[in-house]
Amino acid sequence: MDFEAALNDLKDGKIDKIEISPENFVAFQRAWHDFAYQNTVQGVAHRGGKVTYLRVK
C-alpha cells in the first residue's frame, strides 16, 4: 500500500479511514514521519496492535 498517498487522500477527504495492522505499522510509520499534516489525522489504537487513522473534522 502507498501510505503517503493514503494519508493525503485521508487529509483531503477522499477516503474515510486508514486501518493499519501490526505487520504494516513500520512501513506506515515511515510515511507518517514525513507527513506534514499530522494535525489533520488522528490515530485510534485497538486491541491486538491495530490502529485506525481518521481525518480530524
N, C-alpha and C. Protein backbone atom coordinates (compact mmCIF):
# COMPACT_ATOMS: atom_id res chain seq x y z
N MET A 1 0.84 -1.18 0.00
CA MET A 1 0.00 0.00 0.00
C MET A 1 0.88 1.24 0.00
N ASP A 2 0.46 2.26 -0.73
CA ASP A 2 1.17 3.54 -0.76
C ASP A 2 0.62 4.39 0.38
N PHE A 3 1.31 4.35 1.52
CA PHE A 3 0.82 5.04 2.71
C PHE A 3 0.86 6.56 2.56
N GLU A 4 1.82 7.08 1.82
CA GLU A 4 1.88 8.52 1.60
C GLU A 4 0.63 8.99 0.85
N ALA A 5 0.27 8.28 -0.19
CA ALA A 5 -0.94 8.63 -0.95
C ALA A 5 -2.19 8.45 -0.09
N ALA A 6 -2.22 7.39 0.70
CA ALA A 6 -3.38 7.15 1.57
C ALA A 6 -3.54 8.27 2.60
N LEU A 7 -2.44 8.72 3.18
CA LEU A 7 -2.52 9.82 4.15
C LEU A 7 -3.02 11.10 3.48
N ASN A 8 -2.56 11.38 2.28
CA ASN A 8 -3.04 12.57 1.57
C ASN A 8 -4.51 12.43 1.19
N ASP A 9 -4.93 11.23 0.77
CA ASP A 9 -6.34 11.00 0.47
C ASP A 9 -7.20 11.17 1.71
N LEU A 10 -6.72 10.71 2.84
CA LEU A 10 -7.44 10.88 4.09
C LEU A 10 -7.55 12.36 4.45
N LYS A 11 -6.46 13.07 4.35
CA LYS A 11 -6.44 14.51 4.65
C LYS A 11 -7.42 15.26 3.75
N ASP A 12 -7.47 14.88 2.48
CA ASP A 12 -8.31 15.58 1.51
C ASP A 12 -9.76 15.11 1.52
N GLY A 13 -10.09 14.11 2.34
CA GLY A 13 -11.46 13.63 2.44
C GLY A 13 -11.86 12.64 1.35
N LYS A 14 -10.90 12.14 0.60
CA LYS A 14 -11.20 11.16 -0.46
C LYS A 14 -11.51 9.78 0.12
N ILE A 15 -10.94 9.48 1.28
CA ILE A 15 -11.23 8.24 1.99
C ILE A 15 -11.58 8.58 3.43
N ASP A 16 -12.27 7.68 4.11
CA ASP A 16 -12.73 7.92 5.47
C ASP A 16 -11.76 7.49 6.55
N LYS A 17 -10.95 6.47 6.25
CA LYS A 17 -10.05 5.95 7.27
C LYS A 17 -8.95 5.12 6.63
N ILE A 18 -7.89 4.92 7.42
CA ILE A 18 -6.81 4.01 7.06
C ILE A 18 -6.66 3.05 8.23
N GLU A 19 -6.72 1.77 7.95
CA GLU A 19 -6.55 0.77 9.00
C GLU A 19 -5.18 0.13 8.85
N ILE A 20 -4.40 0.21 9.91
CA ILE A 20 -3.03 -0.30 9.89
C ILE A 20 -2.93 -1.50 10.81
N SER A 21 -2.43 -2.60 10.29
CA SER A 21 -2.20 -3.80 11.09
C SER A 21 -0.79 -3.74 11.67
N PRO A 22 -0.53 -4.52 12.69
CA PRO A 22 0.82 -4.53 13.27
C PRO A 22 1.91 -4.87 12.24
N GLU A 23 1.58 -5.71 11.27
CA GLU A 23 2.55 -6.10 10.25
C GLU A 23 2.95 -4.93 9.35
N ASN A 24 2.05 -3.96 9.18
CA ASN A 24 2.30 -2.83 8.29
C ASN A 24 2.72 -1.56 9.03
N PHE A 25 2.78 -1.62 10.34
CA PHE A 25 2.99 -0.40 11.11
C PHE A 25 4.34 0.27 10.82
N VAL A 26 5.40 -0.50 10.70
CA VAL A 26 6.72 0.09 10.48
C VAL A 26 6.74 0.83 9.14
N ALA A 27 6.20 0.23 8.10
CA ALA A 27 6.15 0.89 6.78
C ALA A 27 5.28 2.14 6.85
N PHE A 28 4.15 2.05 7.55
CA PHE A 28 3.29 3.21 7.70
C PHE A 28 4.00 4.32 8.47
N GLN A 29 4.72 3.96 9.50
CA GLN A 29 5.39 4.95 10.35
C GLN A 29 6.40 5.78 9.55
N ARG A 30 7.04 5.18 8.57
CA ARG A 30 7.98 5.93 7.71
C ARG A 30 7.24 7.03 6.97
N ALA A 31 6.07 6.71 6.41
CA ALA A 31 5.27 7.72 5.70
C ALA A 31 4.72 8.76 6.67
N TRP A 32 4.29 8.31 7.85
CA TRP A 32 3.76 9.22 8.86
C TRP A 32 4.81 10.23 9.30
N HIS A 33 6.03 9.80 9.46
CA HIS A 33 7.12 10.67 9.90
C HIS A 33 7.31 11.85 8.95
N ASP A 34 7.14 11.61 7.65
CA ASP A 34 7.34 12.64 6.64
C ASP A 34 6.06 13.40 6.28
N PHE A 35 4.93 13.02 6.86
CA PHE A 35 3.63 13.63 6.55
C PHE A 35 3.52 14.98 7.25
N ALA A 36 3.43 16.05 6.47
CA ALA A 36 3.44 17.41 7.01
C ALA A 36 2.14 17.81 7.69
N TYR A 37 1.07 17.05 7.51
CA TYR A 37 -0.25 17.43 8.02
C TYR A 37 -0.72 16.48 9.12
N GLN A 38 0.18 16.10 10.00
CA GLN A 38 -0.16 15.16 11.07
C GLN A 38 -1.30 15.67 11.95
N ASN A 39 -1.44 16.98 12.07
CA ASN A 39 -2.50 17.53 12.91
C ASN A 39 -3.89 17.38 12.29
N THR A 40 -3.98 16.91 11.04
CA THR A 40 -5.27 16.71 10.39
C THR A 40 -5.76 15.28 10.51
N VAL A 41 -4.94 14.41 11.11
CA VAL A 41 -5.25 12.98 11.20
C VAL A 41 -5.08 12.52 12.64
N GLN A 42 -6.01 11.68 13.07
CA GLN A 42 -5.97 11.16 14.44
C GLN A 42 -5.94 9.64 14.40
N GLY A 43 -5.05 9.05 15.19
CA GLY A 43 -4.98 7.60 15.28
C GLY A 43 -5.73 7.08 16.48
N VAL A 44 -6.44 5.98 16.28
CA VAL A 44 -7.19 5.33 17.35
C VAL A 44 -6.66 3.90 17.47
N ALA A 45 -6.07 3.58 18.62
CA ALA A 45 -5.48 2.25 18.82
C ALA A 45 -6.55 1.25 19.25
N HIS A 46 -6.40 0.03 18.78
CA HIS A 46 -7.30 -1.06 19.12
C HIS A 46 -6.50 -2.21 19.72
N ARG A 47 -7.17 -3.12 20.34
CA ARG A 47 -6.51 -4.31 20.87
C ARG A 47 -5.85 -5.09 19.75
N GLY A 48 -4.74 -5.72 20.06
CA GLY A 48 -4.05 -6.53 19.08
C GLY A 48 -3.11 -5.75 18.20
N GLY A 49 -2.94 -4.46 18.45
CA GLY A 49 -1.98 -3.66 17.71
C GLY A 49 -2.52 -2.97 16.48
N LYS A 50 -3.80 -3.13 16.18
CA LYS A 50 -4.39 -2.47 15.03
C LYS A 50 -4.62 -0.98 15.36
N VAL A 51 -4.37 -0.12 14.38
CA VAL A 51 -4.60 1.32 14.55
C VAL A 51 -5.42 1.82 13.38
N THR A 52 -6.46 2.61 13.67
CA THR A 52 -7.27 3.23 12.64
C THR A 52 -6.98 4.72 12.65
N TYR A 53 -6.66 5.26 11.49
CA TYR A 53 -6.41 6.70 11.35
C TYR A 53 -7.61 7.35 10.68
N LEU A 54 -8.08 8.43 11.29
CA LEU A 54 -9.26 9.15 10.83
C LEU A 54 -8.92 10.62 10.63
N ARG A 55 -9.65 11.25 9.72
CA ARG A 55 -9.45 12.68 9.49
C ARG A 55 -10.10 13.45 10.63
N VAL A 56 -9.40 14.44 11.14
CA VAL A 56 -9.93 15.30 12.21
C VAL A 56 -10.87 16.28 11.53
N LYS A 57 -12.08 16.41 12.09
CA LYS A 57 -13.08 17.32 11.49
C LYS A 57 -13.15 18.60 12.22
